[in-house]
């Protein structure tokens, strides 16, 4: 059987701020969005909280200032290119027409009903079709997907794109996704062929982490399969990225996530599980300190280190990097000797004309915006 993992970067709709040509362009918006969402959930808004709310509204571009006759006047909008401030009842802020000042009039969460929401836009249609082409090219029995919007989108992709574009034999019989903790609609999910139904599943969205926060940015979703007379357990993950927030905070969060996955893995092993795969986008390299509790602190083995693996043009899985490996298939000892083959599928990952040692592209991938993802897909074939 073949197991694969692929960061698909959404199937149909993606937050506008994530679709920038350079992801760093959207970083300040996402950081302000996360910070303001957290403050707005406070039961009581202190004077310091109210000042922070106004400052973050300004960073998001919802609050701006114009000068009239030497007086600065506030201009407030409930939406812009990036976000909406949805409001059902009550009021968060008030602009005083007389002097142009603005104040937070809500005393706390109970004073108004509303939320902050990222605007979304359609993913390039050819990019979605190229995602299907990469999956069909690998033709896995079980596919873990990272950054899928939701289960309806995953079902729609399977039925309306993969099956129609690539053929019924390339589509999956089972589709599952448990909504995780990320408000941007980037969850982990799973598709499996008709002969591999999900026997059971378990979510860890509520596993505790920092004070009043869950440890997982998305989830560590467990999926159980019956393969012949054997049981197979997959733990699908997407760790905290390096891209947003303070580096030290991001590193600490990934390390906490690695420790929790290691705890879950060791718990399952103690329960008698022999065949376990931890897979997905862990957003850091194998030698990094944050991943050490999982990579070095358990008996899991990276499939890329076992006989039968072929790296191809480079050892990276993200972008055109030669070494930036951040996507994983980690196997329990019972699976180490069962690897028949494994490798990387970069056909949906764009490279420019100047890329050294370029890889083969899909014939339908002709420009960067048509790329299936900025991650390569990875797969392993097991003799089970």
Protein backbone atom coordinates (compact mmCIF):
# COMPACT_ATOMS: atom_id res chain seq x y z
CA UNK A 1 0.00 0.00 0.00
CA UNK A 2 1.09 3.58 -0.63
CA UNK A 3 0.77 6.43 1.89
CA UNK A 4 1.36 10.06 0.91
CA UNK A 5 1.32 13.53 2.45
CA UNK A 6 0.74 16.78 0.57
CA UNK A 7 0.36 20.40 1.69
CA UNK A 8 -2.25 21.43 -0.87
CA UNK A 9 -2.55 25.11 0.21
CA UNK A 10 -6.36 25.06 -0.01
CA UNK A 11 -8.42 23.46 -2.77
CA UNK A 12 -10.73 26.26 -3.91
CA UNK A 13 -10.69 29.33 -1.63
CA UNK A 14 -7.81 30.85 0.29
CA UNK A 15 -7.47 33.86 2.55
CA UNK A 16 -6.54 36.86 0.36
CA UNK A 17 -3.71 37.78 2.68
CA UNK A 18 -2.13 34.33 2.16
CA UNK A 19 -2.23 34.67 -1.62
CA UNK A 20 0.37 37.41 -1.89
CA UNK A 21 3.23 36.89 -4.31
CA UNK A 22 5.58 37.22 -1.35
CA UNK A 23 4.09 35.65 1.80
CA UNK A 24 5.98 38.18 3.94
CA UNK A 25 3.77 40.94 2.51
CA UNK A 26 0.84 39.50 4.44
CA UNK A 27 2.73 38.83 7.65
CA UNK A 28 1.84 42.12 9.46
CA UNK A 29 -1.84 41.68 8.62
CA UNK A 30 -1.96 38.10 9.93
CA UNK A 31 -0.10 39.05 13.10
CA UNK A 32 -2.46 41.97 13.75
CA UNK A 33 -5.45 39.75 12.98
CA UNK A 34 -4.35 37.11 15.49
CA UNK A 35 -3.54 39.69 18.16
CA UNK A 36 -6.83 41.58 17.78
CA UNK A 37 -8.87 38.35 17.77
CA UNK A 38 -7.25 37.45 21.09
CA UNK A 39 -7.91 40.86 22.68
CA UNK A 40 -11.53 40.94 21.51
CA UNK A 41 -12.21 37.69 23.39
CA UNK A 42 -11.33 39.34 26.74
CA UNK A 43 -14.34 39.35 29.11
CA UNK A 44 -13.44 42.91 30.17
CA UNK A 45 -11.58 45.53 28.12
CA UNK A 46 -9.20 47.54 30.28
CA UNK A 47 -8.03 51.00 29.20
CA UNK A 48 -4.84 49.32 27.95
CA UNK A 49 -6.90 46.78 26.01
CA UNK A 50 -8.93 49.58 24.40
CA UNK A 51 -5.78 51.39 23.29
CA UNK A 52 -4.45 48.12 21.87
CA UNK A 53 -7.71 47.46 20.00
CA UNK A 54 -7.46 50.84 18.28
CA UNK A 55 -3.78 50.32 17.47
CA UNK A 56 -4.48 46.91 15.94
CA UNK A 57 -7.45 48.21 13.96
CA UNK A 58 -5.05 50.76 12.52
CA UNK A 59 -2.50 48.05 11.65
CA UNK A 60 -5.23 46.12 9.88
CA UNK A 61 -6.16 49.22 7.87
CA UNK A 62 -9.69 49.38 9.32
CA UNK A 63 -8.83 52.59 11.15
CA UNK A 64 -7.11 55.48 9.42
CA UNK A 65 -6.72 59.20 10.02
CA UNK A 66 -7.26 62.25 7.84
CA UNK A 67 -6.40 65.83 8.64
CA UNK A 68 -9.03 68.54 8.29
CA UNK A 69 -8.17 72.13 9.16
CA UNK A 70 -5.25 70.99 11.28
CA UNK A 71 -7.33 68.40 13.18
CA UNK A 72 -6.78 64.64 12.85
CA UNK A 73 -10.06 62.82 12.36
CA UNK A 74 -10.70 59.11 12.56
CA UNK A 75 -12.00 57.16 9.60
CA UNK A 76 -13.29 53.72 10.50
CA UNK A 77 -14.45 50.95 8.13
CA UNK A 78 -15.71 47.48 8.94
CA UNK A 79 -13.93 45.89 5.99
CA UNK A 80 -11.06 46.35 3.53
CA UNK A 81 -9.18 44.16 1.05
CA UNK A 82 -8.04 41.77 3.78
CA UNK A 83 -10.57 41.50 6.59
CA UNK A 84 -14.11 42.08 7.81
CA UNK A 85 -15.05 43.17 11.29
CA UNK A 86 -18.35 41.33 11.41
CA UNK A 87 -20.88 42.87 13.80
CA UNK A 88 -24.23 41.30 14.66
CA UNK A 89 -25.35 43.31 17.68
CA UNK A 90 -23.89 45.99 19.89
CA UNK A 91 -21.00 48.26 19.06
CA UNK A 92 -17.24 47.94 19.42
CA UNK A 93 -16.15 51.47 18.54
CA UNK A 94 -17.71 54.87 18.00
CA UNK A 95 -16.43 57.80 15.95
CA UNK A 96 -17.44 61.20 17.31
CA UNK A 97 -18.44 63.43 14.40
CA UNK A 98 -17.89 66.61 16.36
CA UNK A 99 -14.15 66.29 16.96
CA UNK A 100 -13.32 63.23 14.83
CA UNK A 101 -12.07 61.19 17.77
CA UNK A 102 -12.69 57.45 18.13
CA UNK A 103 -13.17 55.31 21.23
CA UNK A 104 -13.85 51.72 22.11
CA UNK A 105 -17.33 51.85 23.61
CA UNK A 106 -17.70 48.13 24.41
CA UNK A 107 -16.72 47.38 27.98
CA UNK A 108 -15.95 43.75 27.13
CA UNK A 109 -16.93 40.68 25.17
CA UNK A 110 -20.49 40.64 26.52
CA UNK A 111 -21.22 44.17 25.25
CA UNK A 112 -21.23 43.33 21.56
CA UNK A 113 -21.62 40.33 19.24
CA UNK A 114 -19.12 40.23 16.41
CA UNK A 115 -15.86 38.79 15.19
CA UNK A 116 -12.92 39.38 12.90
CA UNK A 117 -12.88 37.41 9.63
CA UNK A 118 -10.31 37.07 6.86
CA UNK A 119 -11.57 37.68 3.33
CA UNK A 120 -11.14 34.85 0.86
CA UNK A 121 -10.70 34.57 -2.88
CA UNK A 122 -10.78 31.77 -5.42
CA UNK A 123 -7.65 29.71 -5.95
CA UNK A 124 -6.41 29.66 -9.55
CA UNK A 125 -8.47 26.94 -11.29
CA UNK A 126 -5.49 25.44 -13.08
CA UNK A 127 -3.63 25.26 -9.76
CA UNK A 128 -6.51 23.17 -8.35
CA UNK A 129 -6.40 20.90 -11.40
CA UNK A 130 -2.63 20.58 -11.05
CA UNK A 131 -3.11 19.54 -7.42
CA UNK A 132 -5.31 16.73 -8.69
CA UNK A 133 -2.70 15.81 -11.30
CA UNK A 134 0.05 15.48 -8.68
CA UNK A 135 -2.18 13.28 -6.51
CA UNK A 136 -3.13 11.11 -9.49
CA UNK A 137 0.53 10.80 -10.46
CA UNK A 138 1.38 9.43 -7.00
CA UNK A 139 -1.88 7.40 -6.83
CA UNK A 140 -1.71 6.70 -3.08
CA UNK A 141 -4.05 4.40 -1.17
CA UNK A 142 -4.11 6.87 1.72
CA UNK A 143 -3.40 10.58 1.36
CA UNK A 144 -2.95 13.03 4.24
CA UNK A 145 -3.64 16.60 3.15
CA UNK A 146 -2.53 19.78 4.88
CA UNK A 147 -4.21 23.19 4.45
CA UNK A 148 -7.55 21.95 3.17
CA UNK A 149 -10.51 24.32 3.75
CA UNK A 150 -13.06 21.88 5.15
CA UNK A 151 -14.63 18.49 4.47
CA UNK A 152 -17.19 19.77 1.89
CA UNK A 153 -14.32 21.32 -0.10
CA UNK A 154 -12.36 18.07 0.11
CA UNK A 155 -15.38 16.04 -1.05
CA UNK A 156 -16.00 18.51 -3.89
CA UNK A 157 -12.35 18.28 -4.95
CA UNK A 158 -12.47 14.48 -4.95
CA UNK A 159 -15.75 14.27 -6.90
CA UNK A 160 -15.56 17.25 -9.25
CA UNK A 161 -11.85 17.60 -9.95
CA UNK A 162 -9.90 14.45 -9.17
CA UNK A 163 -12.50 12.00 -10.49
CA UNK A 164 -13.53 14.02 -13.57
CA UNK A 165 -10.04 15.22 -14.55
CA UNK A 166 -7.95 12.19 -13.65
CA UNK A 167 -10.36 9.27 -13.82
CA UNK A 168 -12.53 7.38 -11.37
CA UNK A 169 -9.71 5.00 -10.47
CA UNK A 170 -7.64 7.94 -9.19
CA UNK A 171 -10.39 9.24 -6.88
CA UNK A 172 -10.90 8.17 -3.28
CA UNK A 173 -13.74 6.26 -1.63
CA UNK A 174 -13.45 7.94 1.76
CA UNK A 175 -12.93 11.60 2.67
CA UNK A 176 -12.54 12.93 6.19
CA UNK A 177 -11.55 16.21 7.81
CA UNK A 178 -12.03 17.36 11.40
CA UNK A 179 -12.11 21.14 11.76
CA UNK A 180 -9.05 22.31 13.66
CA UNK A 181 -7.99 25.42 15.56
CA UNK A 182 -6.90 27.64 12.66
CA UNK A 183 -9.48 30.28 11.69
CA UNK A 184 -7.92 30.72 8.24
CA UNK A 185 -9.39 27.46 6.95
CA UNK A 186 -6.16 25.49 6.78
CA UNK A 187 -6.98 22.13 8.35
CA UNK A 188 -5.51 18.64 8.12
CA UNK A 189 -7.58 15.96 6.43
CA UNK A 190 -7.40 12.55 4.86
CA UNK A 191 -8.56 10.67 1.77
CA UNK A 192 -8.39 6.91 1.30
CA UNK A 193 -9.25 4.46 -1.45
CA UNK A 194 -12.39 2.32 -1.25
CA UNK A 195 -10.51 -0.65 0.20
CA UNK A 196 -9.19 1.40 3.11
CA UNK A 197 -12.10 2.80 5.13
CA UNK A 198 -11.43 4.78 8.29
CA UNK A 199 -12.22 2.51 11.26
CA UNK A 200 -12.01 5.22 13.91
CA UNK A 201 -10.71 8.75 14.39
CA UNK A 202 -9.73 10.98 17.27
CA UNK A 203 -9.07 14.73 17.48
CA UNK A 204 -6.64 16.58 19.73
CA UNK A 205 -7.85 20.13 19.12
CA UNK A 206 -8.38 20.63 22.86
CA UNK A 207 -5.09 19.25 24.12
CA UNK A 208 -3.77 21.99 26.45
CA UNK A 209 -0.74 24.08 25.58
CA UNK A 210 0.10 27.64 26.68
CA UNK A 211 -2.23 29.14 29.32
CA UNK A 212 -5.80 29.22 27.94
CA UNK A 213 -4.66 27.97 24.51
CA UNK A 214 -4.64 24.55 22.81
CA UNK A 215 -1.21 23.17 21.99
CA UNK A 216 -1.98 22.43 18.32
CA UNK A 217 -2.25 25.25 15.79
CA UNK A 218 -4.47 22.96 13.72
CA UNK A 219 -4.78 19.41 15.10
CA UNK A 220 -3.03 16.09 15.50
CA UNK A 221 -5.81 13.99 13.98
CA UNK A 222 -5.63 10.22 14.54
CA UNK A 223 -7.05 7.88 11.89
CA UNK A 224 -7.24 4.11 12.33
CA UNK A 225 -7.27 1.70 9.37
CA UNK A 226 -7.56 -2.05 9.06
CA UNK A 227 -5.08 -3.43 6.54
CA UNK A 228 -5.61 -7.17 6.14
CA UNK A 229 -5.27 -8.56 9.64
CA UNK A 230 -3.24 -5.58 10.81
CA UNK A 231 -4.16 -2.22 12.29
CA UNK A 232 -2.56 0.97 11.00
CA UNK A 233 -2.68 4.34 12.79
CA UNK A 234 -1.95 7.67 11.12
CA UNK A 235 -1.30 10.89 13.09
CA UNK A 236 -1.76 13.81 10.67
CA UNK A 237 -0.11 17.10 11.66
CA UNK A 238 0.58 20.68 10.64
CA UNK A 239 2.86 22.42 13.15
CA UNK A 240 3.16 26.15 13.82
CA UNK A 241 4.90 27.98 10.98
CA UNK A 242 8.05 30.06 11.25
CA UNK A 243 6.49 32.87 9.27
CA UNK A 244 4.31 34.70 11.79
CA UNK A 245 4.93 36.05 15.27
CA UNK A 246 8.18 36.16 17.23
CA UNK A 247 10.69 33.50 16.25
CA UNK A 248 11.19 32.44 19.86
CA UNK A 249 7.44 32.04 20.39
CA UNK A 250 7.04 30.04 17.16
CA UNK A 251 9.94 27.76 18.07
CA UNK A 252 8.51 27.18 21.53
CA UNK A 253 5.08 26.37 20.11
CA UNK A 254 6.52 23.84 17.63
CA UNK A 255 8.55 22.23 20.39
CA UNK A 256 5.43 21.94 22.56
CA UNK A 257 3.61 20.36 19.60
CA UNK A 258 6.47 17.91 18.99
CA UNK A 259 6.41 16.91 22.67
CA UNK A 260 2.65 16.36 22.58
CA UNK A 261 2.79 14.23 19.40
CA UNK A 262 5.63 12.23 20.98
CA UNK A 263 3.45 11.72 24.07
CA UNK A 264 0.49 10.55 21.97
CA UNK A 265 2.74 8.24 19.92
CA UNK A 266 4.31 6.66 23.02
CA UNK A 267 0.86 6.23 24.56
CA UNK A 268 -0.42 4.41 21.48
CA UNK A 269 2.69 2.25 21.37
CA UNK A 270 2.13 1.28 25.01
CA UNK A 271 -1.43 0.32 24.06
CA UNK A 272 0.01 -2.24 21.63
CA UNK A 273 0.04 -0.42 18.30
CA UNK A 274 2.86 -1.67 16.04
CA UNK A 275 2.11 0.19 12.81
CA UNK A 276 2.04 3.97 13.30
CA UNK A 277 2.82 6.78 10.86
CA UNK A 278 3.26 10.41 11.98
CA UNK A 279 3.00 12.56 8.87
CA UNK A 280 2.37 16.05 7.54
CA UNK A 281 4.00 19.47 7.49
CA UNK A 282 6.06 20.00 10.66
CA UNK A 283 7.40 23.38 9.50
CA UNK A 284 10.99 22.76 10.59
CA UNK A 285 14.03 20.77 9.55
CA UNK A 286 15.08 17.37 11.00
CA UNK A 287 18.04 18.76 12.96
CA UNK A 288 16.06 21.62 14.54
CA UNK A 289 15.69 21.93 18.32
CA UNK A 290 11.86 22.27 18.22
CA UNK A 291 11.43 18.91 16.47
CA UNK A 292 13.97 17.07 18.63
CA UNK A 293 11.42 15.60 21.07
CA UNK A 294 9.73 13.83 18.15
CA UNK A 295 12.63 13.17 15.74
CA UNK A 296 15.31 12.28 18.28
CA UNK A 297 13.23 11.55 21.37
CA UNK A 298 11.23 8.63 19.96
CA UNK A 299 11.96 5.48 17.97
CA UNK A 300 10.15 6.86 14.92
CA UNK A 301 12.26 6.75 11.77
CA UNK A 302 11.96 9.16 8.85
CA UNK A 303 11.03 7.21 5.72
CA UNK A 304 13.63 9.23 3.80
CA UNK A 305 16.37 7.57 5.88
CA UNK A 306 15.28 4.03 5.05
CA UNK A 307 16.33 1.87 2.06
CA UNK A 308 14.20 2.40 -1.05
CA UNK A 309 13.80 6.17 -0.70
CA UNK A 310 14.74 8.33 -3.70
CA UNK A 311 15.18 12.10 -3.22
CA UNK A 312 15.52 12.98 -6.87
CA UNK A 313 16.94 16.41 -7.68
CA UNK A 314 17.33 17.68 -4.08
CA UNK A 315 16.62 16.82 -0.44
CA UNK A 316 14.23 19.68 0.26
CA UNK A 317 10.43 19.50 0.22
CA UNK A 318 9.63 23.23 0.40
CA UNK A 319 10.03 25.62 -2.54
CA UNK A 320 13.15 25.16 -4.62
CA UNK A 321 15.37 24.66 -1.58
CA UNK A 322 17.97 21.93 -1.82
CA UNK A 323 17.86 21.15 1.90
CA UNK A 324 14.69 22.65 3.45
CA UNK A 325 12.88 19.46 4.37
CA UNK A 326 9.77 20.31 6.43
CA UNK A 327 7.33 17.55 5.29
CA UNK A 328 7.51 14.15 6.97
CA UNK A 329 6.57 10.48 6.96
CA UNK A 330 7.78 9.13 10.32
CA UNK A 331 7.42 5.37 10.76
CA UNK A 332 7.25 3.23 13.90
CA UNK A 333 9.78 0.36 14.22
CA UNK A 334 7.24 -2.22 13.01
CA UNK A 335 7.19 -0.46 9.62
CA UNK A 336 10.95 0.10 9.17
CA UNK A 337 11.51 -3.19 7.38
CA UNK A 338 8.35 -2.93 5.30
CA UNK A 339 9.36 0.01 3.11
CA UNK A 340 9.44 -1.00 -0.56
CA UNK A 341 9.98 2.48 -2.03
CA UNK A 342 9.44 6.15 -1.30
CA UNK A 343 10.16 9.56 -2.66
CA UNK A 344 9.17 13.10 -3.52
CA UNK A 345 6.80 14.34 -6.21
CA UNK A 346 7.75 17.88 -7.25
CA UNK A 347 5.80 18.01 -10.51
CA UNK A 348 3.30 20.55 -9.16
CA UNK A 349 5.98 22.76 -7.59
CA UNK A 350 7.03 25.66 -9.79
CA UNK A 351 10.65 26.44 -10.67
CA UNK A 352 11.97 29.32 -12.71
CA UNK A 353 14.24 29.24 -15.75
CA UNK A 354 17.31 29.92 -13.62
CA UNK A 355 16.75 27.08 -11.14
CA UNK A 356 19.79 24.85 -10.95
CA UNK A 357 19.17 21.13 -11.41
CA UNK A 358 15.46 21.67 -12.22
CA UNK A 359 12.86 18.97 -11.76
CA UNK A 360 10.17 17.75 -14.15
CA UNK A 361 7.00 19.86 -14.17
CA UNK A 362 3.47 18.87 -15.09
CA UNK A 363 2.82 19.79 -18.75
CA UNK A 364 -0.16 21.87 -17.48
CA UNK A 365 2.05 23.93 -15.14
CA UNK A 366 3.19 26.89 -17.25
CA UNK A 367 3.49 29.73 -14.71
CA UNK A 368 3.94 30.21 -10.99
CA UNK A 369 0.30 30.96 -10.15
CA UNK A 370 -0.66 27.57 -11.60
CA UNK A 371 1.52 25.69 -9.10
CA UNK A 372 -0.29 23.03 -7.10
CA UNK A 373 1.61 24.09 -3.98
CA UNK A 374 4.91 25.50 -2.78
CA UNK A 375 5.47 22.11 -1.12
CA UNK A 376 6.46 18.89 -2.79
CA UNK A 377 4.31 15.84 -2.10
CA UNK A 378 5.96 12.86 -0.36
CA UNK A 379 5.04 9.18 -0.42
CA UNK A 380 6.10 5.79 0.87
CA UNK A 381 5.08 2.30 -0.30
CA UNK A 382 4.75 -0.31 2.43
CA UNK A 383 4.55 -4.09 2.19
CA UNK A 384 1.57 -4.68 4.49
